[in-house]
Amino acid sequence: MTKTTATPARKRRAMPKQDRRIQLIKATISCIANKGLSNITMADITTEAGLSLGIVNLHFQSKNNLLVETLRFVVDEYNEGQAKILKKRSSKTTQEILEDHLAFDFSAKVCQKDKLAVWFGFWGEAKTRPTYQKICTESDNATELSITALFEEVIHEGKYSLADAAIITKGYTAIVEGLWLDLLIAPGAFNRKNANQVARTYLAVMFPKHISL
C-alpha cells in the first residue's frame, strides 16, 4: 500500500518544470471556460489539475501570476501561429499566405471554446487590470501590424489603388473578433465554417483578385 501511494508522488516530482507549468495553465484555461475569470478560485484550479496548492505556489507564487501567465500562453500561441504563416513569404504566393491566414483565424486550435473564453474573459477585465491591458494591447498591436504588412503586399500586387491597408485591417480584425464571440456564445447556431465564409466575403470584396467566394 505504501509503495502504491508513493509512486504518483515520484511521478509528480519527476515532471519537468515547464510541463508542470503548462499543466497548471491548461487547468486554469478550463476553469475560466467553465466558471468565468472572476469566479475561479485556486481550489478550482488545483482540483482541475489534480495537484496541491503547494505545487501551484511553487511554480507561480500567486493566483494573479498564474492568471497572467495563462493570458500570455494563449496570446503567445496565437502570435506564434500567425508569425509561422507570415514567414512563408519566400515559399508561397501572397494569395496562398492570405488563404492560410484566413484558415488559421478560424482553425480548431484558435477557435477552441475554452481558449475563446480566456480571450474574452481577459479582454473584459483589461480596463481595470493594467497588466492584462498591457498584454492584450501589445498583442493586438502586433497582430494589426502583421496583418497590415500582408495587406500592403496584397494591395501592391493587385494594384488596388483605392485600398487602405490600415483601414482594411481594422475592419478585418473587428469582423474576426466579432465572429469569435459568436462562436463562443452561440456554438450550436454558428460554426467555424460559417465564420470563415463571413470573413472570406469581406476579403473577397476588398481583394477580389486574391480571394474568391
N, C-alpha and C. Protein backbone atom coordinates (compact mmCIF):
# COMPACT_ATOMS: atom_id res chain seq x y z
N MET A 1 0.83 -1.22 0.00
CA MET A 1 0.00 0.00 0.00
C MET A 1 0.86 1.26 0.00
N THR A 2 1.95 1.18 0.79
CA THR A 2 2.86 2.33 0.86
C THR A 2 3.51 2.58 -0.49
N LYS A 3 3.90 1.48 -1.17
CA LYS A 3 4.55 1.61 -2.47
C LYS A 3 3.60 2.20 -3.50
N THR A 4 2.34 1.81 -3.48
CA THR A 4 1.35 2.29 -4.44
C THR A 4 1.11 3.79 -4.31
N THR A 5 0.99 4.29 -3.08
CA THR A 5 0.71 5.71 -2.87
C THR A 5 1.93 6.57 -3.12
N ALA A 6 3.12 6.01 -3.01
CA ALA A 6 4.35 6.81 -3.21
C ALA A 6 4.65 7.02 -4.67
N THR A 7 4.23 6.09 -5.54
CA THR A 7 4.57 6.19 -6.95
C THR A 7 4.07 7.45 -7.62
N PRO A 8 2.77 7.87 -7.44
CA PRO A 8 2.32 9.11 -8.07
C PRO A 8 3.11 10.32 -7.62
N ALA A 9 3.51 10.36 -6.35
CA ALA A 9 4.28 11.49 -5.84
C ALA A 9 5.60 11.59 -6.56
N ARG A 10 6.26 10.43 -6.79
CA ARG A 10 7.53 10.44 -7.51
C ARG A 10 7.33 10.93 -8.93
N LYS A 11 6.23 10.54 -9.55
CA LYS A 11 5.95 10.97 -10.92
C LYS A 11 5.72 12.48 -10.98
N ARG A 12 5.03 13.01 -9.97
CA ARG A 12 4.79 14.45 -9.96
C ARG A 12 6.10 15.21 -9.85
N ARG A 13 7.00 14.73 -8.98
CA ARG A 13 8.27 15.40 -8.81
C ARG A 13 9.14 15.28 -10.05
N ALA A 14 8.98 14.17 -10.80
CA ALA A 14 9.83 13.92 -11.96
C ALA A 14 9.42 14.74 -13.18
N MET A 15 8.19 15.26 -13.19
CA MET A 15 7.74 16.02 -14.36
C MET A 15 8.56 17.30 -14.51
N PRO A 16 9.07 17.59 -15.73
CA PRO A 16 9.84 18.81 -15.94
C PRO A 16 9.05 20.06 -15.55
N LYS A 17 9.76 21.06 -15.09
CA LYS A 17 9.13 22.29 -14.59
C LYS A 17 8.20 22.90 -15.62
N GLN A 18 8.65 23.01 -16.89
CA GLN A 18 7.83 23.65 -17.91
C GLN A 18 6.56 22.86 -18.18
N ASP A 19 6.67 21.54 -18.16
CA ASP A 19 5.49 20.69 -18.37
C ASP A 19 4.48 20.88 -17.25
N ARG A 20 4.98 21.00 -16.02
CA ARG A 20 4.09 21.22 -14.88
C ARG A 20 3.39 22.57 -15.00
N ARG A 21 4.12 23.58 -15.42
CA ARG A 21 3.53 24.92 -15.58
C ARG A 21 2.42 24.88 -16.64
N ILE A 22 2.69 24.21 -17.74
CA ILE A 22 1.68 24.11 -18.81
C ILE A 22 0.46 23.33 -18.33
N GLN A 23 0.69 22.30 -17.54
CA GLN A 23 -0.43 21.54 -16.96
C GLN A 23 -1.33 22.45 -16.14
N LEU A 24 -0.72 23.31 -15.33
CA LEU A 24 -1.49 24.22 -14.49
C LEU A 24 -2.18 25.31 -15.31
N ILE A 25 -1.51 25.78 -16.34
CA ILE A 25 -2.11 26.79 -17.22
C ILE A 25 -3.32 26.21 -17.95
N LYS A 26 -3.21 24.99 -18.44
CA LYS A 26 -4.33 24.36 -19.14
C LYS A 26 -5.51 24.11 -18.19
N ALA A 27 -5.20 23.78 -16.94
CA ALA A 27 -6.26 23.62 -15.95
C ALA A 27 -6.94 24.96 -15.70
N THR A 28 -6.16 26.03 -15.69
CA THR A 28 -6.72 27.37 -15.49
C THR A 28 -7.61 27.76 -16.66
N ILE A 29 -7.18 27.46 -17.87
CA ILE A 29 -7.99 27.74 -19.07
C ILE A 29 -9.33 27.04 -18.96
N SER A 30 -9.31 25.78 -18.55
CA SER A 30 -10.55 25.00 -18.41
C SER A 30 -11.46 25.61 -17.34
N CYS A 31 -10.88 26.05 -16.24
CA CYS A 31 -11.67 26.65 -15.16
C CYS A 31 -12.29 27.98 -15.59
N ILE A 32 -11.54 28.80 -16.32
CA ILE A 32 -12.06 30.07 -16.82
C ILE A 32 -13.25 29.82 -17.75
N ALA A 33 -13.10 28.82 -18.62
CA ALA A 33 -14.18 28.49 -19.56
C ALA A 33 -15.44 28.02 -18.83
N ASN A 34 -15.26 27.28 -17.74
CA ASN A 34 -16.40 26.71 -17.02
C ASN A 34 -17.05 27.65 -16.01
N LYS A 35 -16.24 28.53 -15.40
CA LYS A 35 -16.77 29.37 -14.32
C LYS A 35 -16.65 30.87 -14.55
N GLY A 36 -15.86 31.28 -15.52
CA GLY A 36 -15.63 32.70 -15.74
C GLY A 36 -14.39 33.16 -15.00
N LEU A 37 -13.70 34.14 -15.54
CA LEU A 37 -12.44 34.60 -14.97
C LEU A 37 -12.59 35.10 -13.54
N SER A 38 -13.62 35.88 -13.27
CA SER A 38 -13.75 36.48 -11.95
C SER A 38 -14.23 35.51 -10.87
N ASN A 39 -14.70 34.34 -11.28
CA ASN A 39 -15.28 33.40 -10.31
C ASN A 39 -14.36 32.26 -9.90
N ILE A 40 -13.29 32.05 -10.62
CA ILE A 40 -12.47 30.88 -10.31
C ILE A 40 -11.62 31.10 -9.06
N THR A 41 -11.35 30.01 -8.37
CA THR A 41 -10.52 30.04 -7.17
C THR A 41 -9.32 29.11 -7.37
N MET A 42 -8.36 29.24 -6.49
CA MET A 42 -7.20 28.35 -6.55
C MET A 42 -7.64 26.90 -6.31
N ALA A 43 -8.67 26.73 -5.48
CA ALA A 43 -9.18 25.38 -5.24
C ALA A 43 -9.73 24.76 -6.52
N ASP A 44 -10.41 25.59 -7.34
CA ASP A 44 -10.92 25.10 -8.63
C ASP A 44 -9.77 24.62 -9.50
N ILE A 45 -8.72 25.42 -9.55
CA ILE A 45 -7.58 25.11 -10.42
C ILE A 45 -6.85 23.86 -9.96
N THR A 46 -6.60 23.76 -8.66
CA THR A 46 -5.88 22.59 -8.15
C THR A 46 -6.70 21.32 -8.33
N THR A 47 -8.02 21.43 -8.15
CA THR A 47 -8.88 20.26 -8.37
C THR A 47 -8.86 19.84 -9.83
N GLU A 48 -8.95 20.80 -10.72
CA GLU A 48 -8.92 20.52 -12.16
C GLU A 48 -7.59 19.87 -12.57
N ALA A 49 -6.50 20.37 -12.00
CA ALA A 49 -5.17 19.85 -12.35
C ALA A 49 -4.82 18.57 -11.60
N GLY A 50 -5.56 18.30 -10.50
CA GLY A 50 -5.24 17.15 -9.68
C GLY A 50 -3.95 17.33 -8.90
N LEU A 51 -3.68 18.58 -8.50
CA LEU A 51 -2.45 18.91 -7.80
C LEU A 51 -2.76 19.66 -6.51
N SER A 52 -1.76 19.81 -5.68
CA SER A 52 -1.93 20.52 -4.42
C SER A 52 -1.69 22.01 -4.59
N LEU A 53 -2.19 22.79 -3.64
CA LEU A 53 -1.97 24.23 -3.65
C LEU A 53 -0.48 24.55 -3.55
N GLY A 54 0.25 23.71 -2.83
CA GLY A 54 1.68 23.92 -2.70
C GLY A 54 2.41 23.85 -4.04
N ILE A 55 1.98 22.94 -4.91
CA ILE A 55 2.59 22.82 -6.24
C ILE A 55 2.34 24.09 -7.06
N VAL A 56 1.10 24.61 -6.98
CA VAL A 56 0.77 25.83 -7.71
C VAL A 56 1.62 26.99 -7.21
N ASN A 57 1.70 27.13 -5.90
CA ASN A 57 2.50 28.22 -5.32
C ASN A 57 3.98 28.08 -5.67
N LEU A 58 4.46 26.86 -5.77
CA LEU A 58 5.86 26.62 -6.12
C LEU A 58 6.18 27.16 -7.51
N HIS A 59 5.24 26.97 -8.44
CA HIS A 59 5.50 27.35 -9.83
C HIS A 59 5.07 28.77 -10.17
N PHE A 60 4.07 29.30 -9.47
CA PHE A 60 3.55 30.62 -9.84
C PHE A 60 3.49 31.63 -8.69
N GLN A 61 3.68 31.19 -7.48
CA GLN A 61 3.69 32.04 -6.28
C GLN A 61 2.33 32.62 -5.90
N SER A 62 1.49 32.93 -6.87
CA SER A 62 0.18 33.52 -6.56
C SER A 62 -0.82 33.24 -7.67
N LYS A 63 -2.09 33.39 -7.35
CA LYS A 63 -3.15 33.22 -8.35
C LYS A 63 -3.00 34.25 -9.46
N ASN A 64 -2.67 35.49 -9.11
CA ASN A 64 -2.52 36.54 -10.11
C ASN A 64 -1.43 36.20 -11.12
N ASN A 65 -0.30 35.69 -10.62
CA ASN A 65 0.78 35.30 -11.53
C ASN A 65 0.34 34.19 -12.47
N LEU A 66 -0.40 33.24 -11.94
CA LEU A 66 -0.90 32.14 -12.76
C LEU A 66 -1.84 32.66 -13.84
N LEU A 67 -2.72 33.59 -13.49
CA LEU A 67 -3.65 34.15 -14.47
C LEU A 67 -2.91 34.93 -15.55
N VAL A 68 -1.91 35.70 -15.14
CA VAL A 68 -1.13 36.48 -16.11
C VAL A 68 -0.42 35.54 -17.09
N GLU A 69 0.18 34.48 -16.56
CA GLU A 69 0.88 33.52 -17.42
C GLU A 69 -0.08 32.75 -18.31
N THR A 70 -1.30 32.55 -17.85
CA THR A 70 -2.32 31.90 -18.68
C THR A 70 -2.67 32.79 -19.87
N LEU A 71 -2.83 34.08 -19.61
CA LEU A 71 -3.10 35.02 -20.69
C LEU A 71 -1.93 35.04 -21.68
N ARG A 72 -0.71 35.10 -21.16
CA ARG A 72 0.47 35.12 -22.03
C ARG A 72 0.54 33.85 -22.88
N PHE A 73 0.18 32.73 -22.30
CA PHE A 73 0.23 31.46 -23.02
C PHE A 73 -0.69 31.49 -24.25
N VAL A 74 -1.92 31.94 -24.06
CA VAL A 74 -2.88 31.99 -25.15
C VAL A 74 -2.47 33.02 -26.20
N VAL A 75 -2.01 34.18 -25.74
CA VAL A 75 -1.56 35.24 -26.64
C VAL A 75 -0.36 34.77 -27.46
N ASP A 76 0.62 34.19 -26.80
CA ASP A 76 1.83 33.74 -27.49
C ASP A 76 1.52 32.65 -28.50
N GLU A 77 0.62 31.76 -28.13
CA GLU A 77 0.25 30.66 -29.03
C GLU A 77 -0.34 31.22 -30.33
N TYR A 78 -1.22 32.23 -30.20
CA TYR A 78 -1.80 32.83 -31.40
C TYR A 78 -0.74 33.56 -32.22
N ASN A 79 0.05 34.40 -31.56
CA ASN A 79 1.05 35.21 -32.26
C ASN A 79 2.09 34.35 -32.97
N GLU A 80 2.50 33.27 -32.31
CA GLU A 80 3.48 32.38 -32.92
C GLU A 80 2.89 31.65 -34.13
N GLY A 81 1.62 31.27 -34.04
CA GLY A 81 0.96 30.62 -35.17
C GLY A 81 0.84 31.56 -36.36
N GLN A 82 0.49 32.81 -36.07
CA GLN A 82 0.38 33.80 -37.14
C GLN A 82 1.75 34.07 -37.77
N ALA A 83 2.77 34.22 -36.93
CA ALA A 83 4.12 34.51 -37.43
C ALA A 83 4.64 33.38 -38.32
N LYS A 84 4.31 32.15 -37.95
CA LYS A 84 4.74 30.99 -38.74
C LYS A 84 4.18 31.06 -40.16
N ILE A 85 2.93 31.49 -40.28
CA ILE A 85 2.30 31.62 -41.60
C ILE A 85 2.96 32.73 -42.40
N LEU A 86 3.16 33.87 -41.77
CA LEU A 86 3.68 35.04 -42.48
C LEU A 86 5.14 34.90 -42.87
N LYS A 87 5.87 34.00 -42.23
CA LYS A 87 7.28 33.78 -42.56
C LYS A 87 7.46 32.99 -43.85
N LYS A 88 6.38 32.49 -44.42
CA LYS A 88 6.48 31.65 -45.61
C LYS A 88 6.43 32.46 -46.91
N ARG A 89 6.71 33.74 -46.81
CA ARG A 89 6.64 34.60 -47.99
C ARG A 89 7.57 34.14 -49.12
N SER A 90 8.69 33.53 -48.78
CA SER A 90 9.65 33.12 -49.80
C SER A 90 9.23 31.83 -50.51
N SER A 91 8.36 31.05 -49.88
CA SER A 91 7.98 29.76 -50.47
C SER A 91 6.53 29.70 -50.94
N LYS A 92 5.74 30.72 -50.60
CA LYS A 92 4.34 30.73 -51.01
C LYS A 92 3.97 32.06 -51.64
N THR A 93 2.92 32.04 -52.45
CA THR A 93 2.43 33.28 -53.06
C THR A 93 1.68 34.09 -52.00
N THR A 94 1.49 35.36 -52.29
CA THR A 94 0.74 36.23 -51.39
C THR A 94 -0.69 35.71 -51.23
N GLN A 95 -1.26 35.22 -52.30
CA GLN A 95 -2.61 34.67 -52.25
C GLN A 95 -2.67 33.45 -51.33
N GLU A 96 -1.68 32.59 -51.40
CA GLU A 96 -1.65 31.40 -50.54
C GLU A 96 -1.51 31.78 -49.07
N ILE A 97 -0.68 32.78 -48.80
CA ILE A 97 -0.50 33.22 -47.42
C ILE A 97 -1.79 33.83 -46.88
N LEU A 98 -2.46 34.59 -47.71
CA LEU A 98 -3.74 35.19 -47.31
C LEU A 98 -4.75 34.09 -46.99
N GLU A 99 -4.80 33.07 -47.82
CA GLU A 99 -5.70 31.94 -47.58
C GLU A 99 -5.33 31.20 -46.28
N ASP A 100 -4.03 31.01 -46.08
CA ASP A 100 -3.56 30.32 -44.88
C ASP A 100 -3.91 31.11 -43.62
N HIS A 101 -3.78 32.43 -43.71
CA HIS A 101 -4.08 33.27 -42.54
C HIS A 101 -5.57 33.21 -42.21
N LEU A 102 -6.40 33.25 -43.24
CA LEU A 102 -7.84 33.16 -43.04
C LEU A 102 -8.20 31.82 -42.41
N ALA A 103 -7.61 30.76 -42.92
CA ALA A 103 -7.88 29.42 -42.38
C ALA A 103 -7.40 29.32 -40.92
N PHE A 104 -6.27 29.93 -40.62
CA PHE A 104 -5.71 29.90 -39.26
C PHE A 104 -6.64 30.60 -38.28
N ASP A 105 -7.17 31.75 -38.65
CA ASP A 105 -8.04 32.51 -37.74
C ASP A 105 -9.29 31.75 -37.36
N PHE A 106 -9.69 30.79 -38.17
CA PHE A 106 -10.89 30.01 -37.85
C PHE A 106 -10.58 28.51 -37.75
N SER A 107 -9.36 28.23 -37.40
CA SER A 107 -8.94 26.84 -37.21
C SER A 107 -9.46 26.32 -35.87
N ALA A 108 -9.46 25.00 -35.72
CA ALA A 108 -9.93 24.39 -34.46
C ALA A 108 -9.07 24.82 -33.29
N LYS A 109 -7.77 25.01 -33.53
CA LYS A 109 -6.85 25.39 -32.45
C LYS A 109 -7.15 26.79 -31.93
N VAL A 110 -7.38 27.73 -32.84
CA VAL A 110 -7.65 29.12 -32.44
C VAL A 110 -9.06 29.26 -31.88
N CYS A 111 -10.02 28.59 -32.50
CA CYS A 111 -11.42 28.76 -32.12
C CYS A 111 -11.91 27.75 -31.09
N GLN A 112 -10.98 27.12 -30.39
CA GLN A 112 -11.35 26.23 -29.31
C GLN A 112 -12.14 27.02 -28.26
N LYS A 113 -13.27 26.49 -27.85
CA LYS A 113 -14.17 27.24 -26.96
C LYS A 113 -13.47 27.72 -25.69
N ASP A 114 -12.68 26.85 -25.07
CA ASP A 114 -12.02 27.24 -23.82
C ASP A 114 -11.08 28.42 -24.03
N LYS A 115 -10.35 28.41 -25.14
CA LYS A 115 -9.40 29.50 -25.40
C LYS A 115 -10.12 30.80 -25.74
N LEU A 116 -11.22 30.70 -26.46
CA LEU A 116 -12.00 31.90 -26.74
C LEU A 116 -12.54 32.50 -25.45
N ALA A 117 -12.94 31.63 -24.52
CA ALA A 117 -13.43 32.12 -23.23
C ALA A 117 -12.33 32.88 -22.48
N VAL A 118 -11.10 32.41 -22.62
CA VAL A 118 -9.97 33.10 -21.99
C VAL A 118 -9.75 34.47 -22.62
N TRP A 119 -9.72 34.51 -23.97
CA TRP A 119 -9.56 35.78 -24.67
C TRP A 119 -10.57 36.81 -24.18
N PHE A 120 -11.84 36.46 -24.23
CA PHE A 120 -12.88 37.43 -23.88
C PHE A 120 -12.94 37.70 -22.39
N GLY A 121 -12.59 36.72 -21.58
CA GLY A 121 -12.54 36.93 -20.14
C GLY A 121 -11.51 37.99 -19.77
N PHE A 122 -10.33 37.89 -20.34
CA PHE A 122 -9.28 38.85 -20.03
C PHE A 122 -9.52 40.20 -20.69
N TRP A 123 -10.05 40.20 -21.91
CA TRP A 123 -10.39 41.47 -22.54
C TRP A 123 -11.40 42.24 -21.68
N GLY A 124 -12.35 41.51 -21.11
CA GLY A 124 -13.36 42.15 -20.27
C GLY A 124 -12.79 42.76 -19.01
N GLU A 125 -11.67 42.21 -18.52
CA GLU A 125 -11.05 42.71 -17.29
C GLU A 125 -9.94 43.73 -17.57
N ALA A 126 -9.58 43.90 -18.83
CA ALA A 126 -8.40 44.70 -19.18
C ALA A 126 -8.46 46.15 -18.70
N LYS A 127 -9.64 46.75 -18.74
CA LYS A 127 -9.76 48.16 -18.35
C LYS A 127 -9.38 48.41 -16.90
N THR A 128 -9.63 47.43 -16.06
CA THR A 128 -9.36 47.62 -14.62
C THR A 128 -8.08 46.89 -14.17
N ARG A 129 -7.45 46.17 -15.06
CA ARG A 129 -6.22 45.45 -14.72
C ARG A 129 -5.11 45.88 -15.68
N PRO A 130 -4.23 46.78 -15.27
CA PRO A 130 -3.17 47.29 -16.16
C PRO A 130 -2.31 46.21 -16.80
N THR A 131 -2.01 45.15 -16.06
CA THR A 131 -1.17 44.09 -16.62
C THR A 131 -1.89 43.38 -17.76
N TYR A 132 -3.17 43.06 -17.55
CA TYR A 132 -3.96 42.42 -18.61
C TYR A 132 -4.05 43.36 -19.82
N GLN A 133 -4.30 44.62 -19.55
CA GLN A 133 -4.45 45.60 -20.63
C GLN A 133 -3.16 45.70 -21.45
N LYS A 134 -2.02 45.71 -20.77
CA LYS A 134 -0.73 45.81 -21.47
C LYS A 134 -0.51 44.61 -22.38
N ILE A 135 -0.76 43.42 -21.87
CA ILE A 135 -0.55 42.21 -22.67
C ILE A 135 -1.51 42.17 -23.86
N CYS A 136 -2.78 42.48 -23.62
CA CYS A 136 -3.78 42.47 -24.69
C CYS A 136 -3.47 43.52 -25.75
N THR A 137 -3.09 44.73 -25.29
CA THR A 137 -2.81 45.82 -26.22
C THR A 137 -1.59 45.51 -27.08
N GLU A 138 -0.54 45.00 -26.45
CA GLU A 138 0.67 44.65 -27.20
C GLU A 138 0.38 43.57 -28.23
N SER A 139 -0.43 42.60 -27.84
CA SER A 139 -0.78 41.52 -28.77
C SER A 139 -1.63 42.04 -29.93
N ASP A 140 -2.62 42.87 -29.61
CA ASP A 140 -3.49 43.44 -30.64
C ASP A 140 -2.68 44.29 -31.63
N ASN A 141 -1.76 45.09 -31.10
CA ASN A 141 -0.94 45.95 -31.95
C ASN A 141 -0.04 45.11 -32.86
N ALA A 142 0.57 44.08 -32.30
CA ALA A 142 1.44 43.21 -33.10
C ALA A 142 0.66 42.51 -34.20
N THR A 143 -0.53 42.05 -33.85
CA THR A 143 -1.39 41.37 -34.84
C THR A 143 -1.77 42.32 -35.96
N GLU A 144 -2.17 43.53 -35.60
CA GLU A 144 -2.57 44.51 -36.62
C GLU A 144 -1.41 44.88 -37.53
N LEU A 145 -0.24 45.06 -36.97
CA LEU A 145 0.94 45.40 -37.78
C LEU A 145 1.26 44.29 -38.77
N SER A 146 1.18 43.06 -38.33
CA SER A 146 1.47 41.92 -39.20
C SER A 146 0.45 41.80 -40.33
N ILE A 147 -0.82 41.94 -39.97
CA ILE A 147 -1.86 41.84 -40.99
C ILE A 147 -1.78 43.01 -41.96
N THR A 148 -1.52 44.20 -41.44
CA THR A 148 -1.40 45.38 -42.30
C THR A 148 -0.26 45.20 -43.31
N ALA A 149 0.87 44.67 -42.86
CA ALA A 149 2.01 44.43 -43.76
C ALA A 149 1.62 43.45 -44.87
N LEU A 150 0.88 42.41 -44.51
CA LEU A 150 0.42 41.45 -45.51
C LEU A 150 -0.54 42.11 -46.49
N PHE A 151 -1.48 42.87 -45.96
CA PHE A 151 -2.45 43.54 -46.83
C PHE A 151 -1.78 44.57 -47.75
N GLU A 152 -0.73 45.21 -47.27
CA GLU A 152 0.00 46.15 -48.13
C GLU A 152 0.62 45.43 -49.32
N GLU A 153 1.14 44.24 -49.08
CA GLU A 153 1.69 43.44 -50.18
C GLU A 153 0.59 43.06 -51.17
N VAL A 154 -0.56 42.67 -50.63
CA VAL A 154 -1.69 42.29 -51.49
C VAL A 154 -2.14 43.49 -52.34
N ILE A 155 -2.25 44.64 -51.71
CA ILE A 155 -2.67 45.85 -52.41
C ILE A 155 -1.70 46.21 -53.52
N HIS A 156 -0.42 46.15 -53.22
CA HIS A 156 0.61 46.47 -54.22
C HIS A 156 0.56 45.48 -55.38
N GLU A 157 0.47 44.21 -55.05
CA GLU A 157 0.46 43.16 -56.07
C GLU A 157 -0.79 43.23 -56.95
N GLY A 158 -1.93 43.49 -56.31
CA GLY A 158 -3.18 43.51 -57.06
C GLY A 158 -3.54 44.86 -57.65
N LYS A 159 -2.69 45.87 -57.37
CA LYS A 159 -2.93 47.24 -57.86
C LYS A 159 -4.32 47.75 -57.45
N TYR A 160 -4.64 47.52 -56.17
CA TYR A 160 -5.90 48.03 -55.63
C TYR A 160 -5.67 49.49 -55.21
N SER A 161 -5.78 50.37 -56.16
CA SER A 161 -5.32 51.75 -55.98
C SER A 161 -6.05 52.52 -54.88
N LEU A 162 -7.32 52.21 -54.62
CA LEU A 162 -8.09 52.97 -53.63
C LEU A 162 -8.10 52.31 -52.25
N ALA A 163 -7.42 51.19 -52.13
CA ALA A 163 -7.45 50.44 -50.86
C ALA A 163 -6.47 51.02 -49.85
N ASP A 164 -6.86 51.02 -48.60
CA ASP A 164 -6.01 51.47 -47.49
C ASP A 164 -5.80 50.27 -46.56
N ALA A 165 -4.56 49.78 -46.49
CA ALA A 165 -4.26 48.57 -45.74
C ALA A 165 -4.64 48.68 -44.26
N ALA A 166 -4.35 49.83 -43.65
CA ALA A 166 -4.64 50.01 -42.22
C ALA A 166 -6.14 49.96 -41.95
N ILE A 167 -6.92 50.59 -42.80
CA ILE A 167 -8.38 50.60 -42.62
C ILE A 167 -8.96 49.21 -42.85
N ILE A 168 -8.48 48.52 -43.88
CA ILE A 168 -8.97 47.17 -44.16
C ILE A 168 -8.61 46.23 -43.01
N THR A 169 -7.44 46.42 -42.43
CA THR A 169 -7.02 45.62 -41.28
C THR A 169 -7.96 45.83 -40.10
N LYS A 170 -8.31 47.09 -39.83
CA LYS A 170 -9.24 47.39 -38.73
C LYS A 170 -10.56 46.67 -38.95
N GLY A 171 -11.04 46.71 -40.18
CA GLY A 171 -12.30 46.04 -40.50
C GLY A 171 -12.19 44.53 -40.33
N TYR A 172 -11.08 43.98 -40.82
CA TYR A 172 -10.90 42.53 -40.75
C TYR A 172 -10.80 42.05 -39.30
N THR A 173 -9.99 42.72 -38.48
CA THR A 173 -9.83 42.29 -37.09
C THR A 173 -11.13 42.44 -36.31
N ALA A 174 -11.88 43.50 -36.60
CA ALA A 174 -13.18 43.68 -35.92
C ALA A 174 -14.14 42.55 -36.29
N ILE A 175 -14.14 42.17 -37.56
CA ILE A 175 -15.00 41.08 -38.01
C ILE A 175 -14.59 39.76 -37.37
N VAL A 176 -13.30 39.48 -37.36
CA VAL A 176 -12.80 38.23 -36.79
C VAL A 176 -13.16 38.13 -35.31
N GLU A 177 -12.91 39.20 -34.55
CA GLU A 177 -13.20 39.16 -33.12
C GLU A 177 -14.70 39.03 -32.85
N GLY A 178 -15.51 39.67 -33.69
CA GLY A 178 -16.96 39.53 -33.56
C GLY A 178 -17.41 38.11 -33.86
N LEU A 179 -16.78 37.49 -34.84
CA LEU A 179 -17.12 36.11 -35.19
C LEU A 179 -16.66 35.14 -34.10
N TRP A 180 -15.51 35.41 -33.51
CA TRP A 180 -15.06 34.59 -32.38
C TRP A 180 -16.06 34.64 -31.23
N LEU A 181 -16.61 35.83 -30.99
CA LEU A 181 -17.61 35.97 -29.93
C LEU A 181 -18.86 35.16 -30.26
N ASP A 182 -19.29 35.19 -31.51
CA ASP A 182 -20.44 34.40 -31.94
C ASP A 182 -20.18 32.91 -31.71
N LEU A 183 -18.97 32.46 -32.03
CA LEU A 183 -18.61 31.05 -31.85
C LEU A 183 -18.63 30.66 -30.37
N LEU A 184 -18.28 31.62 -29.52
CA LEU A 184 -18.25 31.34 -28.09
C LEU A 184 -19.65 31.27 -27.49
N ILE A 185 -20.50 32.23 -27.84
CA ILE A 185 -21.80 32.31 -27.17
C ILE A 185 -22.91 31.56 -27.88
N ALA A 186 -22.72 31.23 -29.16
CA ALA A 186 -23.78 30.51 -29.90
C ALA A 186 -23.18 29.40 -30.76
N PRO A 187 -22.44 28.48 -30.14
CA PRO A 187 -21.77 27.43 -30.92
C PRO A 187 -22.74 26.50 -31.66
N GLY A 188 -23.95 26.36 -31.15
CA GLY A 188 -24.91 25.49 -31.80
C GLY A 188 -25.50 26.08 -33.07
N ALA A 189 -25.55 27.41 -33.12
CA ALA A 189 -26.17 28.09 -34.26
C ALA A 189 -25.15 28.60 -35.26
N PHE A 190 -23.87 28.57 -34.87
CA PHE A 190 -22.83 29.17 -35.71
C PHE A 190 -21.57 28.33 -35.58
N ASN A 191 -20.91 28.04 -36.69
CA ASN A 191 -19.71 27.22 -36.61
C ASN A 191 -18.53 27.87 -37.34
N ARG A 192 -17.38 27.22 -37.28
CA ARG A 192 -16.16 27.79 -37.87
C ARG A 192 -16.27 27.97 -39.37
N LYS A 193 -16.97 27.07 -40.03
CA LYS A 193 -17.15 27.18 -41.48
C LYS A 193 -17.96 28.44 -41.82
N ASN A 194 -19.03 28.68 -41.05
CA ASN A 194 -19.83 29.90 -41.25
C ASN A 194 -18.97 31.14 -41.04
N ALA A 195 -18.19 31.12 -39.96
CA ALA A 195 -17.36 32.28 -39.62
C ALA A 195 -16.32 32.54 -40.70
N ASN A 196 -15.70 31.49 -41.18
CA ASN A 196 -14.71 31.63 -42.25
C ASN A 196 -15.34 32.27 -43.48
N GLN A 197 -16.56 31.85 -43.81
CA GLN A 197 -17.22 32.38 -45.00
C GLN A 197 -17.53 33.86 -44.88
N VAL A 198 -17.92 34.30 -43.69
CA VAL A 198 -18.20 35.72 -43.47
C VAL A 198 -16.93 36.54 -43.67
N ALA A 199 -15.83 36.12 -43.04
CA ALA A 199 -14.57 36.84 -43.17
C ALA A 199 -14.05 36.78 -44.60
N ARG A 200 -14.24 35.64 -45.26
CA ARG A 200 -13.82 35.49 -46.65
C ARG A 200 -14.58 36.46 -47.55
N THR A 201 -15.86 36.63 -47.29
CA THR A 201 -16.66 37.56 -48.11
C THR A 201 -16.11 38.97 -48.00
N TYR A 202 -15.74 39.37 -46.79
CA TYR A 202 -15.16 40.71 -46.60
C TYR A 202 -13.86 40.84 -47.39
N LEU A 203 -12.97 39.86 -47.29
CA LEU A 203 -11.70 39.94 -48.01
C LEU A 203 -11.89 39.86 -49.52
N ALA A 204 -12.90 39.11 -49.95
CA ALA A 204 -13.16 39.00 -51.39
C ALA A 204 -13.62 40.33 -51.97
N VAL A 205 -14.35 41.10 -51.18
CA VAL A 205 -14.78 42.44 -51.62
C VAL A 205 -13.57 43.38 -51.68
N MET A 206 -12.69 43.28 -50.68
CA MET A 206 -11.50 44.13 -50.63
C MET A 206 -10.44 43.72 -51.67
N PHE A 207 -10.24 42.42 -51.82
CA PHE A 207 -9.17 41.91 -52.68
C PHE A 207 -9.71 40.85 -53.66
N PRO A 208 -10.54 41.25 -54.60
CA PRO A 208 -11.19 40.28 -55.49
C PRO A 208 -10.23 39.48 -56.37
N LYS A 209 -9.02 39.98 -56.60
CA LYS A 209 -8.05 39.23 -57.41
C LYS A 209 -7.34 38.14 -56.61
N HIS A 210 -7.48 38.21 -55.31
CA HIS A 210 -6.77 37.29 -54.44
C HIS A 210 -7.66 36.31 -53.68
N ILE A 211 -8.90 36.69 -53.41
CA ILE A 211 -9.82 35.84 -52.66
C ILE A 211 -11.10 35.68 -53.45
N SER A 212 -11.51 34.44 -53.64
CA SER A 212 -12.75 34.18 -54.37
C SER A 212 -13.77 33.57 -53.41
N LEU A 213 -15.04 33.72 -53.76
CA LEU A 213 -16.13 33.16 -52.94
C LEU A 213 -16.51 31.77 -53.42
